[in-house]
Amino acid sequence: MTPGAYDAVILAGGAARRLGGVDKPALRVGGRALLDRVLDACRGAGRTVVVGPRRPTARPVRWAREEPPGGGPVAAVDAGIRQTTAPVVLVLSADLPFLTDETVETLLTGLQGTEGAVLIDPDGREQPLVAAYRAEPLRRGIALLATEHGGLGGLPLRLLVSELALARLQHPTASFDCDTWEDITTARARIREHGHVLDEWIAAVKAELGIDLDVDTAALLDLARDAAHGVARPAAPLTTFLVGYAAAQKGGGPEALAAATEKAAALAARWAEEQ
């Protein structure tokens, strides 16, 4: 979807009673706050509105509070959507450690011909806080509920989305949320599994350094291996550092990084041939 064609509303004001009342969006998984992980996944939004108490975030956002404070998810969605202007609104909770920009794109693509696209969890349950909605039907539904119930406080979100024509999409992990300490422990363990740890680490480093760059992990690992085996073990980290520095000197970007990697890999191969 074209950048700016959707806005994002992130609900970050829950009481987190099952976590002892801690500031759940600020809890870290993989070295990053849960809220920052969600913000990274929807960085293509034209506007990002976080509904909840103000707190430090990795990128600028708009802030909103539901009326009354603690009034529940429908009131929170209402507070957030009032600050949006795009025809499509991504509605997310702030505790989704495995949400990615690819999942966001899947939700936006799934909107075709519907009023909303929601993820379903492995048990087949709809997750209305991992969803994309067309803004006007959502606003209309909120207005009808406010009239019918005399307000929005305490209303469940499913009461709102049950009237919408929804596409239901499956994803093995993106709908996983962190309601308990056991969930937090599970999330922290999962990102350290062999098949995920490098991608998670690189994503965390890029976020920490403010770098938006596609990294060819396989090529860099091959270069590090060749430097370590063909020259000496300390050559691996030093070579990858020098490749990054050289790419930056050439203006940065995937092309500059790929070119520097290719040159260093060829040098490592020539070096090894001489032994």
C-alpha atoms as a PDB file:
ATOM      1  CA  MET A   1       0.000   0.000   0.000  1.00  0.00           C
ATOM      2  CA  THR A   2       1.191   3.500  -0.811  1.00  0.00           C
ATOM      3  CA  PRO A   3       3.007   5.137   2.159  1.00  0.00           C
ATOM      4  CA  GLY A   4       0.592   7.410   3.998  1.00  0.00           C
ATOM      5  CA  ALA A   5      -2.447   5.513   2.667  1.00  0.00           C
ATOM      6  CA  TYR A   6      -3.084   4.118   6.117  1.00  0.00           C
ATOM      7  CA  ASP A   7      -2.840   5.378   9.676  1.00  0.00           C
ATOM      8  CA  ALA A   8      -2.128   3.313  12.777  1.00  0.00           C
ATOM      9  CA  VAL A   9      -3.852   3.331  16.166  1.00  0.00           C
ATOM     10  CA  ILE A  10      -2.026   1.451  18.922  1.00  0.00           C
ATOM     11  CA  LEU A  11      -3.755   0.740  22.216  1.00  0.00           C
ATOM     12  CA  ALA A  12      -1.272   1.074  25.079  1.00  0.00           C
ATOM     13  CA  GLY A  13      -3.362   2.007  28.079  1.00  0.00           C
ATOM     14  CA  GLY A  14      -4.461  -1.271  29.650  1.00  0.00           C
ATOM     15  CA  ALA A  15      -4.131  -1.927  33.364  1.00  0.00           C
ATOM     16  CA  ALA A  16      -2.009  -5.093  32.871  1.00  0.00           C
ATOM     17  CA  ARG A  17      -3.539  -6.659  35.983  1.00  0.00           C
ATOM     18  CA  ARG A  18      -2.239 -10.138  35.113  1.00  0.00           C
ATOM     19  CA  LEU A  19       1.260  -8.635  35.054  1.00  0.00           C
ATOM     20  CA  GLY A  20       0.871  -6.968  38.427  1.00  0.00           C
ATOM     21  CA  GLY A  21       0.075  -3.554  36.976  1.00  0.00           C
ATOM     22  CA  VAL A  22       3.487  -2.958  35.369  1.00  0.00           C
ATOM     23  CA  ASP A  23       3.837  -0.699  32.330  1.00  0.00           C
ATOM     24  CA  LYS A  24       3.402  -3.554  29.863  1.00  0.00           C
ATOM     25  CA  PRO A  25       4.199  -1.635  26.631  1.00  0.00           C
ATOM     26  CA  ALA A  26       7.588  -0.741  28.149  1.00  0.00           C
ATOM     27  CA  LEU A  27       8.534  -4.359  28.927  1.00  0.00           C
ATOM     28  CA  ARG A  28      11.428  -5.517  26.763  1.00  0.00           C
ATOM     29  CA  VAL A  29      11.518  -8.521  24.488  1.00  0.00           C
ATOM     30  CA  GLY A  30      14.743  -8.966  22.559  1.00  0.00           C
ATOM     31  CA  GLY A  31      16.157  -5.790  24.081  1.00  0.00           C
ATOM     32  CA  ARG A  32      13.334  -3.587  22.743  1.00  0.00           C
ATOM     33  CA  ALA A  33      10.169  -2.336  24.387  1.00  0.00           C
ATOM     34  CA  LEU A  34       7.032  -4.121  23.214  1.00  0.00           C
ATOM     35  CA  LEU A  35       5.560  -0.808  22.057  1.00  0.00           C
ATOM     36  CA  ASP A  36       8.671  -0.007  20.010  1.00  0.00           C
ATOM     37  CA  ARG A  37       8.480  -3.394  18.319  1.00  0.00           C
ATOM     38  CA  VAL A  38       4.907  -2.653  17.230  1.00  0.00           C
ATOM     39  CA  LEU A  39       5.856   0.864  16.127  1.00  0.00           C
ATOM     40  CA  ASP A  40       8.621  -0.580  13.963  1.00  0.00           C
ATOM     41  CA  ALA A  41       6.168  -2.922  12.229  1.00  0.00           C
ATOM     42  CA  CYS A  42       3.840  -0.066  11.228  1.00  0.00           C
ATOM     43  CA  ARG A  43       6.461   2.555  10.381  1.00  0.00           C
ATOM     44  CA  GLY A  44       4.827   3.017   6.957  1.00  0.00           C
ATOM     45  CA  ALA A  45       1.759   4.642   8.515  1.00  0.00           C
ATOM     46  CA  GLY A  46       0.995   8.232   7.612  1.00  0.00           C
ATOM     47  CA  ARG A  47       0.004   8.977  11.207  1.00  0.00           C
ATOM     48  CA  THR A  48       0.629   6.816  14.231  1.00  0.00           C
ATOM     49  CA  VAL A  49      -1.565   7.442  17.271  1.00  0.00           C
ATOM     50  CA  VAL A  50      -0.776   5.747  20.578  1.00  0.00           C
ATOM     51  CA  VAL A  51      -3.680   5.694  23.010  1.00  0.00           C
ATOM     52  CA  GLY A  52      -2.370   5.615  26.559  1.00  0.00           C
ATOM     53  CA  PRO A  53      -0.054   7.433  28.953  1.00  0.00           C
ATOM     54  CA  ARG A  54       2.887   9.229  27.346  1.00  0.00           C
ATOM     55  CA  ARG A  55       6.156   7.331  27.484  1.00  0.00           C
ATOM     56  CA  PRO A  56       9.452   7.367  25.568  1.00  0.00           C
ATOM     57  CA  THR A  57       9.201   5.822  22.095  1.00  0.00           C
ATOM     58  CA  ALA A  58      11.713   4.958  19.398  1.00  0.00           C
ATOM     59  CA  ARG A  59      10.005   7.247  16.888  1.00  0.00           C
ATOM     60  CA  PRO A  60       7.637  10.228  17.147  1.00  0.00           C
ATOM     61  CA  VAL A  61       3.926   9.471  17.571  1.00  0.00           C
ATOM     62  CA  ARG A  62       0.705  11.301  18.348  1.00  0.00           C
ATOM     63  CA  TRP A  63      -0.771  10.698  21.793  1.00  0.00           C
ATOM     64  CA  ALA A  64      -4.397  10.299  22.809  1.00  0.00           C
ATOM     65  CA  ARG A  65      -6.378   9.171  25.864  1.00  0.00           C
ATOM     66  CA  GLU A  66      -9.734   7.455  25.950  1.00  0.00           C
ATOM     67  CA  GLU A  67     -12.695   8.991  27.757  1.00  0.00           C
ATOM     68  CA  PRO A  68     -13.014   8.057  30.491  1.00  0.00           C
ATOM     69  CA  PRO A  69      -9.411   6.916  31.158  1.00  0.00           C
ATOM     70  CA  GLY A  70      -9.488   3.146  31.474  1.00  0.00           C
ATOM     71  CA  GLY A  71     -12.777   3.094  29.580  1.00  0.00           C
ATOM     72  CA  GLY A  72     -11.893   0.044  27.544  1.00  0.00           C
ATOM     73  CA  PRO A  73     -10.903  -0.789  23.986  1.00  0.00           C
ATOM     74  CA  VAL A  74     -13.854   0.740  22.089  1.00  0.00           C
ATOM     75  CA  ALA A  75     -13.333   4.066  23.845  1.00  0.00           C
ATOM     76  CA  ALA A  76      -9.614   3.802  23.111  1.00  0.00           C
ATOM     77  CA  VAL A  77     -10.173   3.079  19.411  1.00  0.00           C
ATOM     78  CA  ASP A  78     -12.531   6.055  19.282  1.00  0.00           C
ATOM     79  CA  ALA A  79      -9.903   8.341  20.844  1.00  0.00           C
ATOM     80  CA  GLY A  80      -7.275   7.138  18.400  1.00  0.00           C
ATOM     81  CA  ILE A  81      -9.317   7.224  15.219  1.00  0.00           C
ATOM     82  CA  ARG A  82     -10.368  10.805  15.920  1.00  0.00           C
ATOM     83  CA  GLN A  83      -6.765  11.799  15.164  1.00  0.00           C
ATOM     84  CA  THR A  84      -6.508   9.837  11.903  1.00  0.00           C
ATOM     85  CA  THR A  85      -7.296  10.990   8.369  1.00  0.00           C
ATOM     86  CA  ALA A  86      -6.397   8.036   6.124  1.00  0.00           C
ATOM     87  CA  PRO A  87      -9.144   5.844   4.620  1.00  0.00           C
ATOM     88  CA  VAL A  88      -7.610   2.764   6.263  1.00  0.00           C
ATOM     89  CA  VAL A  89      -6.699   2.379   9.922  1.00  0.00           C
ATOM     90  CA  LEU A  90      -4.445  -0.274  11.374  1.00  0.00           C
ATOM     91  CA  VAL A  91      -5.605  -1.100  14.919  1.00  0.00           C
ATOM     92  CA  LEU A  92      -3.065  -2.866  17.113  1.00  0.00           C
ATOM     93  CA  SER A  93      -2.393  -3.662  20.724  1.00  0.00           C
ATOM     94  CA  ALA A  94       0.984  -2.620  22.110  1.00  0.00           C
ATOM     95  CA  ASP A  95       2.042  -6.118  23.198  1.00  0.00           C
ATOM     96  CA  LEU A  96       2.670  -7.975  19.936  1.00  0.00           C
ATOM     97  CA  PRO A  97       6.332  -9.076  19.971  1.00  0.00           C
ATOM     98  CA  PHE A  98       6.160 -10.978  16.670  1.00  0.00           C
ATOM     99  CA  LEU A  99       4.312  -8.438  14.543  1.00  0.00           C
ATOM    100  CA  THR A 100       6.327  -7.516  11.437  1.00  0.00           C
ATOM    101  CA  ASP A 101       5.970  -5.107   8.546  1.00  0.00           C
ATOM    102  CA  GLU A 102       5.276  -8.130   6.324  1.00  0.00           C
ATOM    103  CA  THR A 103       2.283  -9.015   8.513  1.00  0.00           C
ATOM    104  CA  VAL A 104       1.062  -5.432   8.336  1.00  0.00           C
ATOM    105  CA  GLU A 105       1.267  -5.565   4.534  1.00  0.00           C
ATOM    106  CA  THR A 106      -0.699  -8.822   4.572  1.00  0.00           C
ATOM    107  CA  LEU A 107      -3.469  -7.182   6.606  1.00  0.00           C
ATOM    108  CA  LEU A 108      -3.612  -4.176   4.293  1.00  0.00           C
ATOM    109  CA  THR A 109      -3.718  -6.379   1.204  1.00  0.00           C
ATOM    110  CA  GLY A 110      -6.438  -8.507   2.793  1.00  0.00           C
ATOM    111  CA  LEU A 111      -8.763  -5.495   2.948  1.00  0.00           C
ATOM    112  CA  GLN A 112      -9.723  -5.798  -0.713  1.00  0.00           C
ATOM    113  CA  GLY A 113     -13.500  -6.094  -0.971  1.00  0.00           C
ATOM    114  CA  THR A 114     -14.048  -6.028   2.812  1.00  0.00           C
ATOM    115  CA  GLU A 115     -14.492  -3.565   5.668  1.00  0.00           C
ATOM    116  CA  GLY A 116     -11.700  -5.092   7.695  1.00  0.00           C
ATOM    117  CA  ALA A 117      -9.011  -7.772   7.807  1.00  0.00           C
ATOM    118  CA  VAL A 118      -8.187  -9.450  11.137  1.00  0.00           C
ATOM    119  CA  LEU A 119      -5.701 -12.090  12.158  1.00  0.00           C
ATOM    120  CA  ILE A 120      -6.948 -15.267  13.744  1.00  0.00           C
ATOM    121  CA  ASP A 121      -4.899 -17.062  16.371  1.00  0.00           C
ATOM    122  CA  PRO A 122      -3.875 -20.743  16.141  1.00  0.00           C
ATOM    123  CA  ASP A 123      -7.157 -21.694  17.873  1.00  0.00           C
ATOM    124  CA  GLY A 124      -9.204 -19.897  15.221  1.00  0.00           C
ATOM    125  CA  ARG A 125     -10.218 -16.906  17.361  1.00  0.00           C
ATOM    126  CA  GLU A 126     -10.403 -13.465  15.788  1.00  0.00           C
ATOM    127  CA  GLN A 127      -7.914 -10.921  17.131  1.00  0.00           C
ATOM    128  CA  PRO A 128      -9.548  -7.516  16.518  1.00  0.00           C
ATOM    129  CA  LEU A 129      -6.461  -5.727  17.882  1.00  0.00           C
ATOM    130  CA  VAL A 130      -4.306  -7.167  15.108  1.00  0.00           C
ATOM    131  CA  ALA A 131      -6.321  -5.829  12.223  1.00  0.00           C
ATOM    132  CA  ALA A 132      -6.791  -3.279   9.460  1.00  0.00           C
ATOM    133  CA  TYR A 133     -10.143  -1.544   9.016  1.00  0.00           C
ATOM    134  CA  ARG A 134     -11.704   0.882   6.607  1.00  0.00           C
ATOM    135  CA  ALA A 135     -12.083   4.051   8.616  1.00  0.00           C
ATOM    136  CA  GLU A 136     -15.621   5.080   7.723  1.00  0.00           C
ATOM    137  CA  PRO A 137     -17.388   1.824   8.698  1.00  0.00           C
ATOM    138  CA  LEU A 138     -15.390   1.850  11.932  1.00  0.00           C
ATOM    139  CA  ARG A 139     -16.398   5.436  12.732  1.00  0.00           C
ATOM    140  CA  ARG A 140     -20.021   4.671  11.861  1.00  0.00           C
ATOM    141  CA  GLY A 141     -20.044   1.657  14.149  1.00  0.00           C
ATOM    142  CA  ILE A 142     -18.549   3.668  17.018  1.00  0.00           C
ATOM    143  CA  ALA A 143     -21.221   6.360  16.616  1.00  0.00           C
ATOM    144  CA  LEU A 144     -24.025   3.787  16.633  1.00  0.00           C
ATOM    145  CA  LEU A 145     -22.674   2.111  19.772  1.00  0.00           C
ATOM    146  CA  ALA A 146     -22.338   5.466  21.561  1.00  0.00           C
ATOM    147  CA  THR A 147     -25.963   6.276  20.743  1.00  0.00           C
ATOM    148  CA  GLU A 148     -27.274   2.836  21.672  1.00  0.00           C
ATOM    149  CA  HIS A 149     -25.382   2.529  24.967  1.00  0.00           C
ATOM    150  CA  GLY A 150     -25.154   6.170  25.970  1.00  0.00           C
ATOM    151  CA  GLY A 151     -21.349   6.036  25.812  1.00  0.00           C
ATOM    152  CA  LEU A 152     -18.453   3.767  24.947  1.00  0.00           C
ATOM    153  CA  GLY A 153     -16.949   3.031  28.360  1.00  0.00           C
ATOM    154  CA  GLY A 154     -16.605  -0.659  29.150  1.00  0.00           C
ATOM    155  CA  LEU A 155     -17.856  -1.929  25.787  1.00  0.00           C
ATOM    156  CA  PRO A 156     -16.019  -4.953  24.333  1.00  0.00           C
ATOM    157  CA  LEU A 157     -14.283  -4.484  21.006  1.00  0.00           C
ATOM    158  CA  ARG A 158     -16.013  -7.509  19.494  1.00  0.00           C
ATOM    159  CA  LEU A 159     -19.316  -5.632  19.838  1.00  0.00           C
ATOM    160  CA  LEU A 160     -17.919  -3.085  17.406  1.00  0.00           C
ATOM    161  CA  VAL A 161     -16.260  -5.336  14.839  1.00  0.00           C
ATOM    162  CA  SER A 162     -19.025  -7.971  14.787  1.00  0.00           C
ATOM    163  CA  GLU A 163     -21.051  -5.687  12.510  1.00  0.00           C
ATOM    164  CA  LEU A 164     -18.257  -5.374   9.935  1.00  0.00           C
ATOM    165  CA  ALA A 165     -17.618  -7.548   6.895  1.00  0.00           C
ATOM    166  CA  LEU A 166     -14.239  -9.042   7.766  1.00  0.00           C
ATOM    167  CA  ALA A 167     -11.566 -11.075   6.043  1.00  0.00           C
ATOM    168  CA  ARG A 168      -9.924 -13.522   8.453  1.00  0.00           C
ATOM    169  CA  LEU A 169      -6.231 -14.186   7.925  1.00  0.00           C
ATOM    170  CA  GLN A 170      -3.953 -16.751   9.499  1.00  0.00           C
ATOM    171  CA  HIS A 171      -0.428 -16.245  10.794  1.00  0.00           C
ATOM    172  CA  PRO A 172       1.427 -18.641  13.104  1.00  0.00           C
ATOM    173  CA  THR A 173       2.895 -16.058  15.509  1.00  0.00           C
ATOM    174  CA  ALA A 174       1.907 -12.444  14.743  1.00  0.00           C
ATOM    175  CA  SER A 175      -1.233 -12.563  16.897  1.00  0.00           C
ATOM    176  CA  PHE A 176       0.724 -13.748  19.952  1.00  0.00           C
ATOM    177  CA  ASP A 177       0.283 -11.157  22.710  1.00  0.00           C
ATOM    178  CA  CYS A 178       1.783 -10.828  26.166  1.00  0.00           C
ATOM    179  CA  ASP A 179      -0.846 -10.903  28.893  1.00  0.00           C
ATOM    180  CA  THR A 180       1.123 -12.802  31.547  1.00  0.00           C
ATOM    181  CA  TRP A 181       4.715 -13.201  32.717  1.00  0.00           C
ATOM    182  CA  GLU A 182       4.623 -16.658  31.164  1.00  0.00           C
ATOM    183  CA  ASP A 183       3.841 -15.022  27.806  1.00  0.00           C
ATOM    184  CA  ILE A 184       6.776 -12.634  28.247  1.00  0.00           C
ATOM    185  CA  THR A 185       9.094 -15.542  29.054  1.00  0.00           C
ATOM    186  CA  THR A 186       7.828 -17.486  26.027  1.00  0.00           C
ATOM    187  CA  ALA A 187       8.384 -14.500  23.725  1.00  0.00           C
ATOM    188  CA  ARG A 188      11.895 -13.889  25.041  1.00  0.00           C
ATOM    189  CA  ALA A 189      12.788 -17.547  24.554  1.00  0.00           C
ATOM    190  CA  ARG A 190      11.267 -17.797  21.088  1.00  0.00           C
ATOM    191  CA  ILE A 191      13.265 -14.955  19.563  1.00  0.00           C
ATOM    192  CA  ARG A 192      16.449 -16.629  20.766  1.00  0.00           C
ATOM    193  CA  GLU A 193      15.694 -19.869  18.958  1.00  0.00           C
ATOM    194  CA  HIS A 194      18.233 -20.874  16.334  1.00  0.00           C
ATOM    195  CA  GLY A 195      16.055 -20.024  13.356  1.00  0.00           C
ATOM    196  CA  HIS A 196      15.170 -16.524  14.575  1.00  0.00           C
ATOM    197  CA  VAL A 197      17.962 -15.133  16.711  1.00  0.00           C
ATOM    198  CA  LEU A 198      20.085 -13.551  13.973  1.00  0.00           C
ATOM    199  CA  ASP A 199      17.160 -11.812  12.292  1.00  0.00           C
ATOM    200  CA  GLU A 200      15.916 -10.575  15.668  1.00  0.00           C
ATOM    201  CA  TRP A 201      19.362  -9.336  16.663  1.00  0.00           C
ATOM    202  CA  ILE A 202      19.923  -7.489  13.393  1.00  0.00           C
ATOM    203  CA  ALA A 203      16.476  -5.889  13.625  1.00  0.00           C
ATOM    204  CA  ALA A 204      17.255  -4.772  17.181  1.00  0.00           C
ATOM    205  CA  VAL A 205      20.641  -3.317  16.198  1.00  0.00           C
ATOM    206  CA  LYS A 206      19.159  -1.445  13.229  1.00  0.00           C
ATOM    207  CA  ALA A 207      16.428  -0.012  15.437  1.00  0.00           C
ATOM    208  CA  GLU A 208      18.923   0.992  18.127  1.00  0.00           C
ATOM    209  CA  LEU A 209      21.229   2.693  15.608  1.00  0.00           C
ATOM    210  CA  GLY A 210      18.448   4.277  13.592  1.00  0.00           C
ATOM    211  CA  ILE A 211      19.431   2.380  10.428  1.00  0.00           C
ATOM    212  CA  ASP A 212      16.865   1.443   7.781  1.00  0.00           C
ATOM    213  CA  LEU A 213      18.876  -0.886   5.562  1.00  0.00           C
ATOM    214  CA  ASP A 214      18.205  -4.304   4.089  1.00  0.00           C
ATOM    215  CA  VAL A 215      21.093  -6.495   5.214  1.00  0.00           C
ATOM    216  CA  ASP A 216      22.118  -9.548   3.200  1.00  0.00           C
ATOM    217  CA  THR A 217      22.797 -11.645   6.276  1.00  0.00           C
ATOM    218  CA  ALA A 218      23.901 -14.716   4.334  1.00  0.00           C
ATOM    219  CA  ALA A 219      26.508 -12.798   2.333  1.00  0.00           C
ATOM    220  CA  LEU A 220      27.974 -11.139   5.417  1.00  0.00           C
ATOM    221  CA  LEU A 221      28.102 -14.451   7.289  1.00  0.00           C
ATOM    222  CA  ASP A 222      29.822 -16.093   4.334  1.00  0.00           C
ATOM    223  CA  LEU A 223      32.349 -13.244   4.285  1.00  0.00           C
ATOM    224  CA  ALA A 224      32.972 -13.577   8.034  1.00  0.00           C
ATOM    225  CA  ARG A 225      33.446 -17.343   7.662  1.00  0.00           C
ATOM    226  CA  ASP A 226      35.880 -16.960   4.778  1.00  0.00           C
ATOM    227  CA  ALA A 227      37.881 -14.290   6.611  1.00  0.00           C
ATOM    228  CA  ALA A 228      38.013 -16.395   9.773  1.00  0.00           C
ATOM    229  CA  HIS A 229      39.055 -19.603   8.030  1.00  0.00           C
ATOM    230  CA  GLY A 230      41.225 -18.152   5.281  1.00  0.00           C
ATOM    231  CA  VAL A 231      43.042 -15.488   7.311  1.00  0.00           C
ATOM    232  CA  ALA A 232      42.528 -15.645  11.083  1.00  0.00           C
ATOM    233  CA  ARG A 233      39.579 -15.686  13.487  1.00  0.00           C
ATOM    234  CA  PRO A 234      39.869 -12.007  14.494  1.00  0.00           C
ATOM    235  CA  ALA A 235      39.670 -11.119  10.804  1.00  0.00           C
ATOM    236  CA  ALA A 236      35.950 -11.936  10.732  1.00  0.00           C
ATOM    237  CA  PRO A 237      34.541  -9.089  12.888  1.00  0.00           C
ATOM    238  CA  LEU A 238      37.189  -6.646  11.698  1.00  0.00           C
ATOM    239  CA  THR A 239      36.448  -7.391   8.037  1.00  0.00           C
ATOM    240  CA  THR A 240      32.692  -6.965   8.406  1.00  0.00           C
ATOM    241  CA  PHE A 241      33.295  -3.687  10.257  1.00  0.00           C
ATOM    242  CA  LEU A 242      35.508  -2.427   7.435  1.00  0.00           C
ATOM    243  CA  VAL A 243      32.918  -3.477   4.845  1.00  0.00           C
ATOM    244  CA  GLY A 244      30.274  -1.444   6.659  1.00  0.00           C
ATOM    245  CA  TYR A 245      32.580   1.533   6.897  1.00  0.00           C
ATOM    246  CA  ALA A 246      33.451   1.325   3.207  1.00  0.00           C
ATOM    247  CA  ALA A 247      29.755   1.126   2.274  1.00  0.00           C
ATOM    248  CA  ALA A 248      29.050   4.225   4.347  1.00  0.00           C
ATOM    249  CA  GLN A 249      31.901   6.082   2.599  1.00  0.00           C
ATOM    250  CA  LYS A 250      30.193   5.279  -0.724  1.00  0.00           C
ATOM    251  CA  GLY A 251      26.897   6.754   0.429  1.00  0.00           C
ATOM    252  CA  GLY A 252      25.446   3.704   2.147  1.00  0.00           C
ATOM    253  CA  GLY A 253      22.502   1.695   0.907  1.00  0.00           C
ATOM    254  CA  PRO A 254      22.094  -1.955  -0.118  1.00  0.00           C
ATOM    255  CA  GLU A 255      24.059  -1.521  -3.371  1.00  0.00           C
ATOM    256  CA  ALA A 256      27.100  -0.014  -1.657  1.00  0.00           C
ATOM    257  CA  LEU A 257      27.034  -2.717   1.018  1.00  0.00           C
ATOM    258  CA  ALA A 258      26.719  -5.502  -1.554  1.00  0.00           C
ATOM    259  CA  ALA A 259      29.612  -4.111  -3.606  1.00  0.00           C
ATOM    260  CA  ALA A 260      31.902  -3.812  -0.571  1.00  0.00           C
ATOM    261  CA  THR A 261      30.953  -7.310   0.577  1.00  0.00           C
ATOM    262  CA  GLU A 262      31.705  -8.764  -2.861  1.00  0.00           C
ATOM    263  CA  LYS A 263      35.129  -7.117  -3.014  1.00  0.00           C
ATOM    264  CA  ALA A 264      36.098  -8.286   0.471  1.00  0.00           C
ATOM    265  CA  ALA A 265      34.857 -11.822  -0.228  1.00  0.00           C
ATOM    266  CA  ALA A 266      36.939 -11.979  -3.411  1.00  0.00           C
ATOM    267  CA  LEU A 267      39.994 -10.778  -1.490  1.00  0.00           C
ATOM    268  CA  ALA A 268      39.409 -13.440   1.204  1.00  0.00           C
ATOM    269  CA  ALA A 269      39.199 -16.099  -1.511  1.00  0.00           C
ATOM    270  CA  ARG A 270      42.477 -14.950  -3.122  1.00  0.00           C
ATOM    271  CA  TRP A 271      44.146 -14.847   0.293  1.00  0.00           C
ATOM    272  CA  ALA A 272      43.047 -18.409   1.054  1.00  0.00           C
ATOM    273  CA  GLU A 273      44.295 -19.684  -2.338  1.00  0.00           C
ATOM    274  CA  GLU A 274      47.831 -18.673  -1.444  1.00  0.00           C
ATOM    275  CA  GLN A 275      47.931 -20.990   1.552  1.00  0.00           C
END
